[in-house]
Amino acid sequence: MRHILYILILAAALGACGKKESASEPELKPEELAAKAATTAYDALYHGDTQKFLDTRLHAADMPQDFRLAMLQSLAQHVAQVKSERQGVNKVEVTRTEVDPSLGIIQVFLLLSYGNGTQEEIVVPMVEHKGQWCLK
């Protein structure tokens, strides 16, 4: 009888370990996490933080320094061109996400709203790497 009691106590303790302590913060789905990371990256880019944008790329830390500098220059030129031609990006928002299990990616569809009133939808492939969502 004592063994059954110990098993019930152990089962209850293990069951309690898996429960969230706070019901106010529901766990986000992978699609939501990927969308948030993509939005944060593109917001940073169009606000001039090319370094932060580049750091969200998969294996960014492994880039050779010369390549990294060239990428930063290219990103800065892109941002300047968008400011010149379209008066910058006012808003970045997620329109939808699609999970592609065969490639192991989540495609995030972002709507860029430009300062001149035009909009453009882009597709951003995201991949999870070491617990972080990265631009592929």
N, C-alpha and C. Protein backbone atom coordinates (compact mmCIF):
# COMPACT_ATOMS: atom_id res chain seq x y z
N MET A 1 0.83 -1.19 0.00
CA MET A 1 0.00 0.00 0.00
C MET A 1 0.87 1.26 0.00
N ARG A 2 1.95 1.21 0.76
CA ARG A 2 2.84 2.36 0.85
C ARG A 2 3.46 2.68 -0.51
N HIS A 3 3.79 1.65 -1.30
CA HIS A 3 4.40 1.84 -2.61
C HIS A 3 3.44 2.55 -3.57
N ILE A 4 2.18 2.21 -3.48
CA ILE A 4 1.17 2.86 -4.33
C ILE A 4 1.07 4.34 -3.97
N LEU A 5 1.13 4.65 -2.70
CA LEU A 5 1.08 6.04 -2.24
C LEU A 5 2.28 6.82 -2.79
N TYR A 6 3.49 6.21 -2.72
CA TYR A 6 4.68 6.87 -3.26
C TYR A 6 4.57 7.11 -4.76
N ILE A 7 4.02 6.13 -5.47
CA ILE A 7 3.85 6.28 -6.92
C ILE A 7 2.87 7.40 -7.24
N LEU A 8 1.80 7.51 -6.51
CA LEU A 8 0.82 8.57 -6.73
C LEU A 8 1.42 9.95 -6.44
N ILE A 9 2.20 10.05 -5.38
CA ILE A 9 2.84 11.32 -5.03
C ILE A 9 3.85 11.71 -6.12
N LEU A 10 4.63 10.73 -6.58
CA LEU A 10 5.61 10.98 -7.64
C LEU A 10 4.92 11.41 -8.93
N ALA A 11 3.83 10.76 -9.29
CA ALA A 11 3.09 11.10 -10.51
C ALA A 11 2.52 12.52 -10.41
N ALA A 12 1.99 12.86 -9.25
CA ALA A 12 1.44 14.21 -9.06
C ALA A 12 2.53 15.27 -9.15
N ALA A 13 3.70 14.97 -8.57
CA ALA A 13 4.82 15.92 -8.61
C ALA A 13 5.32 16.11 -10.04
N LEU A 14 5.46 15.02 -10.77
CA LEU A 14 5.91 15.12 -12.16
C LEU A 14 4.90 15.86 -13.02
N GLY A 15 3.62 15.63 -12.77
CA GLY A 15 2.58 16.33 -13.53
C GLY A 15 2.59 17.82 -13.26
N ALA A 16 2.88 18.20 -12.04
CA ALA A 16 2.92 19.61 -11.68
C ALA A 16 4.12 20.32 -12.30
N CYS A 17 5.20 19.57 -12.52
CA CYS A 17 6.41 20.18 -13.09
C CYS A 17 6.18 20.69 -14.50
N GLY A 18 5.32 20.04 -15.25
CA GLY A 18 5.12 20.43 -16.65
C GLY A 18 4.15 21.57 -16.83
N LYS A 19 3.49 21.99 -15.77
CA LYS A 19 2.49 23.06 -15.89
C LYS A 19 3.14 24.42 -15.77
N LYS A 20 2.56 25.39 -16.49
CA LYS A 20 3.04 26.77 -16.39
C LYS A 20 2.57 27.36 -15.08
N GLU A 21 3.43 28.16 -14.48
CA GLU A 21 3.06 28.81 -13.24
C GLU A 21 2.12 29.99 -13.51
N SER A 22 2.28 30.63 -14.64
CA SER A 22 1.48 31.80 -14.95
C SER A 22 0.58 31.52 -16.14
N ALA A 23 -0.71 31.56 -15.93
CA ALA A 23 -1.65 31.34 -17.02
C ALA A 23 -1.80 32.59 -17.87
N SER A 24 -1.27 33.72 -17.42
CA SER A 24 -1.41 34.98 -18.16
C SER A 24 -0.48 35.06 -19.36
N GLU A 25 0.58 34.22 -19.40
CA GLU A 25 1.51 34.24 -20.51
C GLU A 25 1.47 32.91 -21.25
N PRO A 26 0.58 32.80 -22.25
CA PRO A 26 0.53 31.55 -23.00
C PRO A 26 1.80 31.38 -23.83
N GLU A 27 2.20 30.14 -24.02
CA GLU A 27 3.39 29.86 -24.80
C GLU A 27 3.12 30.17 -26.27
N LEU A 28 4.06 30.87 -26.90
CA LEU A 28 3.89 31.24 -28.30
C LEU A 28 4.21 30.05 -29.20
N LYS A 29 3.47 29.95 -30.29
CA LYS A 29 3.71 28.90 -31.28
C LYS A 29 4.96 29.26 -32.08
N PRO A 30 5.61 28.28 -32.69
CA PRO A 30 6.80 28.57 -33.51
C PRO A 30 6.54 29.61 -34.60
N GLU A 31 5.37 29.57 -35.22
CA GLU A 31 5.04 30.56 -36.25
C GLU A 31 5.05 31.98 -35.70
N GLU A 32 4.53 32.12 -34.48
CA GLU A 32 4.50 33.44 -33.85
C GLU A 32 5.90 33.92 -33.48
N LEU A 33 6.72 32.99 -33.00
CA LEU A 33 8.10 33.35 -32.66
C LEU A 33 8.90 33.73 -33.90
N ALA A 34 8.72 32.98 -34.98
CA ALA A 34 9.41 33.29 -36.24
C ALA A 34 8.94 34.63 -36.79
N ALA A 35 7.64 34.89 -36.73
CA ALA A 35 7.09 36.15 -37.22
C ALA A 35 7.63 37.33 -36.41
N LYS A 36 7.70 37.16 -35.11
CA LYS A 36 8.22 38.23 -34.25
C LYS A 36 9.68 38.53 -34.57
N ALA A 37 10.48 37.46 -34.76
CA ALA A 37 11.89 37.65 -35.09
C ALA A 37 12.07 38.33 -36.44
N ALA A 38 11.26 37.95 -37.42
CA ALA A 38 11.35 38.56 -38.75
C ALA A 38 10.97 40.04 -38.69
N THR A 39 9.90 40.34 -37.99
CA THR A 39 9.45 41.73 -37.86
C THR A 39 10.51 42.57 -37.15
N THR A 40 11.07 42.05 -36.09
CA THR A 40 12.11 42.76 -35.34
C THR A 40 13.32 43.04 -36.23
N ALA A 41 13.72 42.04 -37.02
CA ALA A 41 14.89 42.20 -37.90
C ALA A 41 14.64 43.28 -38.95
N TYR A 42 13.49 43.25 -39.59
CA TYR A 42 13.21 44.23 -40.65
C TYR A 42 12.94 45.62 -40.09
N ASP A 43 12.35 45.70 -38.90
CA ASP A 43 12.21 47.00 -38.24
C ASP A 43 13.59 47.60 -37.98
N ALA A 44 14.50 46.76 -37.49
CA ALA A 44 15.87 47.23 -37.22
C ALA A 44 16.54 47.70 -38.51
N LEU A 45 16.40 46.92 -39.56
CA LEU A 45 17.02 47.29 -40.84
C LEU A 45 16.56 48.65 -41.32
N TYR A 46 15.26 48.85 -41.36
CA TYR A 46 14.74 50.10 -41.93
C TYR A 46 14.79 51.27 -40.96
N HIS A 47 15.26 51.02 -39.75
CA HIS A 47 15.57 52.11 -38.83
C HIS A 47 17.08 52.34 -38.75
N GLY A 48 17.81 51.73 -39.69
CA GLY A 48 19.24 51.99 -39.82
C GLY A 48 20.16 51.08 -39.03
N ASP A 49 19.62 50.10 -38.31
CA ASP A 49 20.47 49.21 -37.52
C ASP A 49 20.81 47.98 -38.36
N THR A 50 21.69 48.18 -39.34
CA THR A 50 22.06 47.09 -40.25
C THR A 50 22.81 45.98 -39.52
N GLN A 51 23.54 46.34 -38.48
CA GLN A 51 24.28 45.34 -37.69
C GLN A 51 23.32 44.37 -37.03
N LYS A 52 22.26 44.88 -36.42
CA LYS A 52 21.27 44.01 -35.76
C LYS A 52 20.59 43.12 -36.79
N PHE A 53 20.26 43.68 -37.95
CA PHE A 53 19.63 42.89 -39.00
C PHE A 53 20.55 41.75 -39.43
N LEU A 54 21.81 42.07 -39.67
CA LEU A 54 22.77 41.06 -40.11
C LEU A 54 22.98 39.99 -39.04
N ASP A 55 22.96 40.39 -37.80
CA ASP A 55 23.16 39.43 -36.70
C ASP A 55 22.01 38.43 -36.57
N THR A 56 20.85 38.72 -37.16
CA THR A 56 19.73 37.78 -37.10
C THR A 56 19.79 36.74 -38.21
N ARG A 57 20.77 36.85 -39.10
CA ARG A 57 20.94 35.84 -40.16
C ARG A 57 21.53 34.56 -39.59
N LEU A 58 21.14 33.44 -40.17
CA LEU A 58 21.68 32.15 -39.78
C LEU A 58 23.18 32.14 -40.01
N HIS A 59 23.94 31.73 -39.05
CA HIS A 59 25.40 31.63 -39.09
C HIS A 59 26.09 32.98 -39.32
N ALA A 60 25.49 34.05 -38.88
CA ALA A 60 26.09 35.38 -39.05
C ALA A 60 27.43 35.48 -38.34
N ALA A 61 27.56 34.84 -37.21
CA ALA A 61 28.81 34.91 -36.45
C ALA A 61 29.96 34.22 -37.16
N ASP A 62 29.64 33.32 -38.10
CA ASP A 62 30.67 32.58 -38.81
C ASP A 62 31.12 33.26 -40.11
N MET A 63 30.54 34.41 -40.44
CA MET A 63 30.90 35.10 -41.68
C MET A 63 32.33 35.64 -41.59
N PRO A 64 33.09 35.50 -42.67
CA PRO A 64 34.40 36.16 -42.69
C PRO A 64 34.22 37.68 -42.57
N GLN A 65 35.16 38.34 -41.92
CA GLN A 65 35.04 39.77 -41.65
C GLN A 65 34.86 40.60 -42.92
N ASP A 66 35.60 40.28 -43.98
CA ASP A 66 35.47 41.03 -45.24
C ASP A 66 34.06 40.90 -45.82
N PHE A 67 33.52 39.69 -45.77
CA PHE A 67 32.17 39.47 -46.28
C PHE A 67 31.15 40.21 -45.43
N ARG A 68 31.35 40.18 -44.11
CA ARG A 68 30.45 40.88 -43.18
C ARG A 68 30.42 42.38 -43.47
N LEU A 69 31.60 42.98 -43.68
CA LEU A 69 31.66 44.41 -43.99
C LEU A 69 30.99 44.73 -45.32
N ALA A 70 31.19 43.85 -46.30
CA ALA A 70 30.53 44.05 -47.60
C ALA A 70 29.01 43.96 -47.46
N MET A 71 28.53 43.02 -46.66
CA MET A 71 27.09 42.89 -46.43
C MET A 71 26.53 44.13 -45.72
N LEU A 72 27.25 44.64 -44.73
CA LEU A 72 26.80 45.84 -44.03
C LEU A 72 26.72 47.03 -44.97
N GLN A 73 27.71 47.17 -45.85
CA GLN A 73 27.69 48.26 -46.84
C GLN A 73 26.52 48.10 -47.79
N SER A 74 26.29 46.89 -48.25
CA SER A 74 25.17 46.62 -49.16
C SER A 74 23.83 46.92 -48.49
N LEU A 75 23.68 46.52 -47.25
CA LEU A 75 22.44 46.80 -46.52
C LEU A 75 22.23 48.30 -46.32
N ALA A 76 23.31 49.02 -46.00
CA ALA A 76 23.22 50.48 -45.82
C ALA A 76 22.82 51.15 -47.13
N GLN A 77 23.36 50.67 -48.24
CA GLN A 77 22.99 51.23 -49.55
C GLN A 77 21.52 50.95 -49.86
N HIS A 78 21.07 49.75 -49.52
CA HIS A 78 19.66 49.40 -49.74
C HIS A 78 18.74 50.32 -48.94
N VAL A 79 19.07 50.52 -47.68
CA VAL A 79 18.24 51.39 -46.82
C VAL A 79 18.23 52.82 -47.37
N ALA A 80 19.39 53.32 -47.81
CA ALA A 80 19.47 54.66 -48.38
C ALA A 80 18.62 54.76 -49.65
N GLN A 81 18.66 53.72 -50.45
CA GLN A 81 17.87 53.72 -51.69
C GLN A 81 16.37 53.73 -51.39
N VAL A 82 15.96 52.94 -50.42
CA VAL A 82 14.54 52.91 -50.03
C VAL A 82 14.12 54.27 -49.49
N LYS A 83 14.97 54.92 -48.72
CA LYS A 83 14.65 56.26 -48.21
C LYS A 83 14.53 57.26 -49.35
N SER A 84 15.42 57.17 -50.31
CA SER A 84 15.45 58.09 -51.44
C SER A 84 14.26 57.88 -52.37
N GLU A 85 13.99 56.64 -52.70
CA GLU A 85 12.96 56.34 -53.70
C GLU A 85 11.55 56.23 -53.13
N ARG A 86 11.43 55.80 -51.89
CA ARG A 86 10.10 55.52 -51.33
C ARG A 86 9.86 56.20 -49.99
N GLN A 87 10.72 57.12 -49.61
CA GLN A 87 10.63 57.84 -48.33
C GLN A 87 10.66 56.90 -47.13
N GLY A 88 11.42 55.83 -47.23
CA GLY A 88 11.63 54.91 -46.12
C GLY A 88 10.46 53.97 -45.88
N VAL A 89 10.61 53.14 -44.86
CA VAL A 89 9.57 52.20 -44.47
C VAL A 89 8.96 52.69 -43.17
N ASN A 90 7.65 52.91 -43.20
CA ASN A 90 6.94 53.39 -42.01
C ASN A 90 6.48 52.26 -41.11
N LYS A 91 6.18 51.11 -41.72
CA LYS A 91 5.58 50.04 -40.94
C LYS A 91 5.93 48.68 -41.54
N VAL A 92 6.21 47.73 -40.66
CA VAL A 92 6.46 46.34 -41.05
C VAL A 92 5.46 45.50 -40.28
N GLU A 93 4.62 44.74 -41.00
CA GLU A 93 3.64 43.91 -40.32
C GLU A 93 3.54 42.54 -40.97
N VAL A 94 3.18 41.57 -40.17
CA VAL A 94 3.03 40.20 -40.63
C VAL A 94 1.64 40.03 -41.24
N THR A 95 1.60 39.46 -42.45
CA THR A 95 0.30 39.18 -43.07
C THR A 95 -0.11 37.73 -42.85
N ARG A 96 0.89 36.82 -42.89
CA ARG A 96 0.61 35.41 -42.62
C ARG A 96 1.93 34.65 -42.50
N THR A 97 1.84 33.40 -42.06
CA THR A 97 3.01 32.52 -41.99
C THR A 97 2.62 31.18 -42.60
N GLU A 98 3.62 30.50 -43.15
CA GLU A 98 3.41 29.16 -43.68
C GLU A 98 4.55 28.27 -43.21
N VAL A 99 4.21 27.13 -42.66
CA VAL A 99 5.20 26.17 -42.20
C VAL A 99 5.54 25.24 -43.35
N ASP A 100 6.83 25.07 -43.59
CA ASP A 100 7.29 24.13 -44.62
C ASP A 100 8.12 23.05 -43.93
N PRO A 101 7.47 21.96 -43.49
CA PRO A 101 8.18 20.94 -42.74
C PRO A 101 9.24 20.21 -43.57
N SER A 102 9.05 20.14 -44.88
CA SER A 102 10.04 19.44 -45.72
C SER A 102 11.38 20.17 -45.74
N LEU A 103 11.35 21.51 -45.63
CA LEU A 103 12.58 22.30 -45.60
C LEU A 103 12.98 22.70 -44.18
N GLY A 104 12.08 22.49 -43.24
CA GLY A 104 12.37 22.85 -41.85
C GLY A 104 12.37 24.36 -41.63
N ILE A 105 11.56 25.08 -42.40
CA ILE A 105 11.50 26.53 -42.28
C ILE A 105 10.06 27.00 -42.07
N ILE A 106 9.96 28.22 -41.61
CA ILE A 106 8.67 28.91 -41.57
C ILE A 106 8.81 30.14 -42.44
N GLN A 107 7.93 30.26 -43.41
CA GLN A 107 7.95 31.43 -44.27
C GLN A 107 7.04 32.49 -43.67
N VAL A 108 7.62 33.66 -43.44
CA VAL A 108 6.88 34.77 -42.85
C VAL A 108 6.64 35.79 -43.96
N PHE A 109 5.38 36.13 -44.17
CA PHE A 109 5.01 37.11 -45.18
C PHE A 109 4.87 38.46 -44.47
N LEU A 110 5.73 39.40 -44.86
CA LEU A 110 5.72 40.74 -44.26
C LEU A 110 5.20 41.75 -45.26
N LEU A 111 4.41 42.67 -44.79
CA LEU A 111 3.93 43.78 -45.60
C LEU A 111 4.71 45.02 -45.19
N LEU A 112 5.49 45.55 -46.14
CA LEU A 112 6.25 46.78 -45.90
C LEU A 112 5.42 47.96 -46.40
N SER A 113 5.16 48.91 -45.53
CA SER A 113 4.43 50.13 -45.90
C SER A 113 5.43 51.27 -46.01
N TYR A 114 5.56 51.81 -47.21
CA TYR A 114 6.56 52.85 -47.48
C TYR A 114 6.00 54.23 -47.20
N GLY A 115 6.91 55.17 -47.05
CA GLY A 115 6.54 56.55 -46.76
C GLY A 115 5.77 57.23 -47.88
N ASN A 116 5.92 56.74 -49.11
CA ASN A 116 5.20 57.34 -50.24
C ASN A 116 3.81 56.75 -50.44
N GLY A 117 3.37 55.90 -49.53
CA GLY A 117 2.03 55.33 -49.58
C GLY A 117 1.95 53.98 -50.27
N THR A 118 3.01 53.50 -50.86
CA THR A 118 2.97 52.20 -51.51
C THR A 118 3.27 51.10 -50.49
N GLN A 119 2.92 49.88 -50.88
CA GLN A 119 3.17 48.73 -50.03
C GLN A 119 3.77 47.60 -50.86
N GLU A 120 4.48 46.73 -50.18
CA GLU A 120 5.10 45.59 -50.84
C GLU A 120 5.10 44.42 -49.87
N GLU A 121 4.72 43.25 -50.36
CA GLU A 121 4.77 42.06 -49.54
C GLU A 121 6.04 41.28 -49.89
N ILE A 122 6.77 40.88 -48.86
CA ILE A 122 7.98 40.08 -49.06
C ILE A 122 7.85 38.79 -48.27
N VAL A 123 8.57 37.77 -48.71
CA VAL A 123 8.57 36.48 -48.02
C VAL A 123 9.94 36.31 -47.36
N VAL A 124 9.92 36.03 -46.07
CA VAL A 124 11.15 35.88 -45.30
C VAL A 124 11.22 34.46 -44.75
N PRO A 125 12.13 33.63 -45.28
CA PRO A 125 12.28 32.29 -44.72
C PRO A 125 13.03 32.35 -43.39
N MET A 126 12.46 31.70 -42.37
CA MET A 126 13.04 31.70 -41.03
C MET A 126 13.32 30.26 -40.63
N VAL A 127 14.41 30.09 -39.89
CA VAL A 127 14.79 28.76 -39.41
C VAL A 127 15.21 28.88 -37.94
N GLU A 128 14.88 27.86 -37.16
CA GLU A 128 15.28 27.87 -35.76
C GLU A 128 16.66 27.25 -35.63
N HIS A 129 17.54 27.96 -34.92
CA HIS A 129 18.91 27.48 -34.72
C HIS A 129 19.31 27.76 -33.28
N LYS A 130 19.56 26.71 -32.54
CA LYS A 130 19.96 26.82 -31.14
C LYS A 130 18.96 27.64 -30.31
N GLY A 131 17.68 27.41 -30.57
CA GLY A 131 16.64 28.08 -29.80
C GLY A 131 16.28 29.48 -30.25
N GLN A 132 16.95 29.98 -31.29
CA GLN A 132 16.68 31.33 -31.82
C GLN A 132 16.14 31.24 -33.24
N TRP A 133 15.24 32.11 -33.59
CA TRP A 133 14.73 32.16 -34.97
C TRP A 133 15.60 33.10 -35.76
N CYS A 134 16.08 32.61 -36.90
CA CYS A 134 17.06 33.36 -37.72
C CYS A 134 16.56 33.49 -39.16
N LEU A 135 17.02 34.56 -39.81
CA LEU A 135 16.77 34.72 -41.24
C LEU A 135 17.61 33.67 -41.96
N LYS A 136 16.99 32.96 -42.88
CA LYS A 136 17.75 31.91 -43.59
C LYS A 136 18.57 32.52 -44.71
